[in-house]
Protein backbone atom coordinates (compact mmCIF):
# COMPACT_ATOMS: atom_id res chain seq x y z
CA MET A 1 21.78 -3.74 11.02
CA ARG A 2 20.05 -1.45 13.49
CA ILE A 3 16.70 0.20 12.83
CA GLY A 4 18.23 3.58 11.98
CA GLU A 5 20.49 1.97 9.41
CA LEU A 6 17.52 0.12 7.91
CA ALA A 7 15.56 3.37 7.82
CA ASP A 8 18.40 5.11 5.98
CA ALA A 9 18.86 2.21 3.55
CA THR A 10 15.16 2.06 2.65
CA ASN A 11 14.16 5.72 3.04
CA VAL A 12 11.41 4.64 5.45
CA SER A 13 10.93 6.13 8.91
CA THR A 14 11.82 4.15 12.02
CA ASP A 15 8.19 4.48 13.13
CA THR A 16 7.07 2.82 9.90
CA LEU A 17 9.60 0.03 10.38
CA ARG A 18 8.37 -0.55 13.95
CA PHE A 19 4.80 -0.66 12.59
CA TYR A 20 5.81 -3.18 9.90
CA GLU A 21 7.45 -5.28 12.57
CA LYS A 22 4.39 -5.10 14.81
CA ARG A 23 2.23 -6.25 11.87
CA GLY A 24 4.59 -9.15 11.18
CA LEU A 25 5.85 -7.87 7.83
CA ILE A 26 9.46 -7.74 8.97
CA HIS A 27 11.32 -9.35 11.86
CA SER A 28 14.27 -8.45 14.04
CA GLN A 29 16.37 -10.03 16.73
CA ARG A 30 16.76 -8.18 20.01
CA ARG A 31 20.28 -7.51 21.23
CA ALA A 32 21.16 -7.70 24.92
CA ASN A 33 20.84 -3.90 25.11
CA GLY A 34 17.30 -4.06 23.66
CA TYR A 35 18.22 -2.69 20.23
CA ARG A 36 16.63 -4.28 17.19
CA ASP A 37 18.96 -6.11 14.82
CA PHE A 38 17.65 -6.64 11.28
CA HIS A 39 19.14 -8.97 8.67
CA GLU A 40 20.47 -7.41 5.47
CA GLU A 41 17.67 -9.13 3.49
CA THR A 42 15.17 -6.92 5.31
CA VAL A 43 16.18 -4.04 3.02
CA GLN A 44 14.84 -5.94 0.01
CA LEU A 45 11.70 -6.95 1.90
CA VAL A 46 10.93 -3.34 2.87
CA GLU A 47 11.43 -2.31 -0.77
CA ILE A 48 8.99 -5.03 -1.85
CA ILE A 49 6.46 -3.78 0.72
CA ARG A 50 6.81 -0.23 -0.58
CA LEU A 51 6.43 -1.43 -4.18
CA GLY A 52 3.33 -3.41 -3.24
CA LYS A 53 1.81 -0.39 -1.55
CA SER A 54 2.51 1.72 -4.64
CA LEU A 55 0.71 -0.94 -6.71
CA GLY A 56 -2.38 -0.65 -4.54
CA PHE A 57 -1.88 -3.56 -2.15
CA ASN A 58 -2.88 -2.90 1.45
CA LEU A 59 -0.78 -4.01 4.40
CA ARG A 60 -2.94 -7.07 5.06
CA GLU A 61 -2.36 -8.23 1.50
CA MET A 62 1.34 -7.43 1.80
CA THR A 63 1.53 -9.45 5.02
CA GLU A 64 0.06 -12.48 3.25
CA LEU A 65 2.35 -12.02 0.27
CA SER A 66 5.49 -11.52 2.36
CA HIS A 67 4.76 -14.69 4.34
CA ALA A 68 4.22 -16.66 1.14
CA MET A 69 7.36 -15.18 -0.44
CA SER A 70 9.50 -15.91 2.62
CA GLN A 71 8.42 -19.56 2.42
CA ASP A 72 8.93 -19.67 -1.37
CA ASN A 73 5.23 -20.48 -1.82
CA VAL A 74 4.66 -18.02 -4.68
CA ASN A 75 5.86 -18.76 -8.21
CA GLU A 76 5.82 -16.49 -11.27
CA GLN A 77 2.40 -17.73 -12.43
CA GLU A 78 0.84 -17.08 -9.01
CA THR A 79 2.46 -13.64 -8.90
CA ALA A 80 0.97 -12.83 -12.31
CA GLU A 81 -2.46 -14.00 -11.10
CA ILE A 82 -2.21 -11.84 -7.97
CA LEU A 83 -1.29 -8.81 -10.07
CA ALA A 84 -4.08 -9.53 -12.56
CA GLN A 85 -6.58 -9.69 -9.70
CA LYS A 86 -5.31 -6.35 -8.35
CA LEU A 87 -5.63 -4.88 -11.86
CA ALA A 88 -9.25 -6.05 -12.07
CA GLU A 89 -9.97 -4.51 -8.66
CA THR A 90 -8.36 -1.27 -9.79
CA ASP A 91 -10.43 -1.21 -12.98
CA GLN A 92 -13.59 -1.72 -10.91
CA ARG A 93 -12.64 1.17 -8.63
CA ILE A 94 -12.02 3.38 -11.67
CA LEU A 95 -15.51 2.55 -13.00
CA SER A 96 -17.03 3.34 -9.61
CA LEU A 97 -15.17 6.64 -9.42
CA GLN A 98 -16.26 7.56 -12.95
CA GLN A 99 -19.88 6.93 -11.96
CA LEU A 100 -19.41 9.02 -8.83
CA ARG A 101 -17.97 11.81 -10.97
CA LYS A 102 -21.00 11.74 -13.28
CA THR A 103 -23.35 11.86 -10.29
CA LEU A 104 -21.50 14.80 -8.75
CA SER A 105 -21.40 16.66 -12.06
CA ALA A 106 -25.14 16.23 -12.50
CA ALA A 107 -25.76 17.44 -8.94
CA ILE A 108 -23.66 20.52 -9.55
CA LEU A 109 -25.52 21.35 -12.76
CA ARG A 110 -28.90 20.93 -11.04
CA ASN A 111 -27.96 23.12 -8.08
CA CYS A 112 -25.42 25.47 -9.64
CA PRO A 113 -25.47 28.81 -7.77
CA ILE A 114 -24.62 30.72 -10.97
CA ARG A 115 -27.67 29.32 -12.74
CA LYS A 116 -29.83 30.34 -9.78
CA LEU A 117 -28.48 33.91 -9.94
CA SER A 118 -29.13 34.18 -13.66
CA LYS A 119 -32.78 33.17 -13.15
CA ARG A 120 -33.53 36.04 -10.75
CA PRO A 121 -36.03 38.64 -11.99
């Protein structure tokens, strides 16, 4: 399947597919005319990459996962552990963002322009 067909099948731009290929996430064979030829299984792999990104995995993590998956080195238990680790990281980010929100709210209350106007003589 050519890159345009893969793009249509996965709803991903050809530029994104070229980027994924450059990063080693997906692979193609070159035809004699220079066109990329992707295997049908690449559709599923691109969908897994998109799912991983939606779950908060970055492309480096997705590269590692896709290599492990392509070599059948990841079982259900390991997948659950990877997802649990990502959940813990997400929870930590949420806590950090909540603290940032409190800090910003306090700064706004201290320097609120409306409060300054109401204190004028």
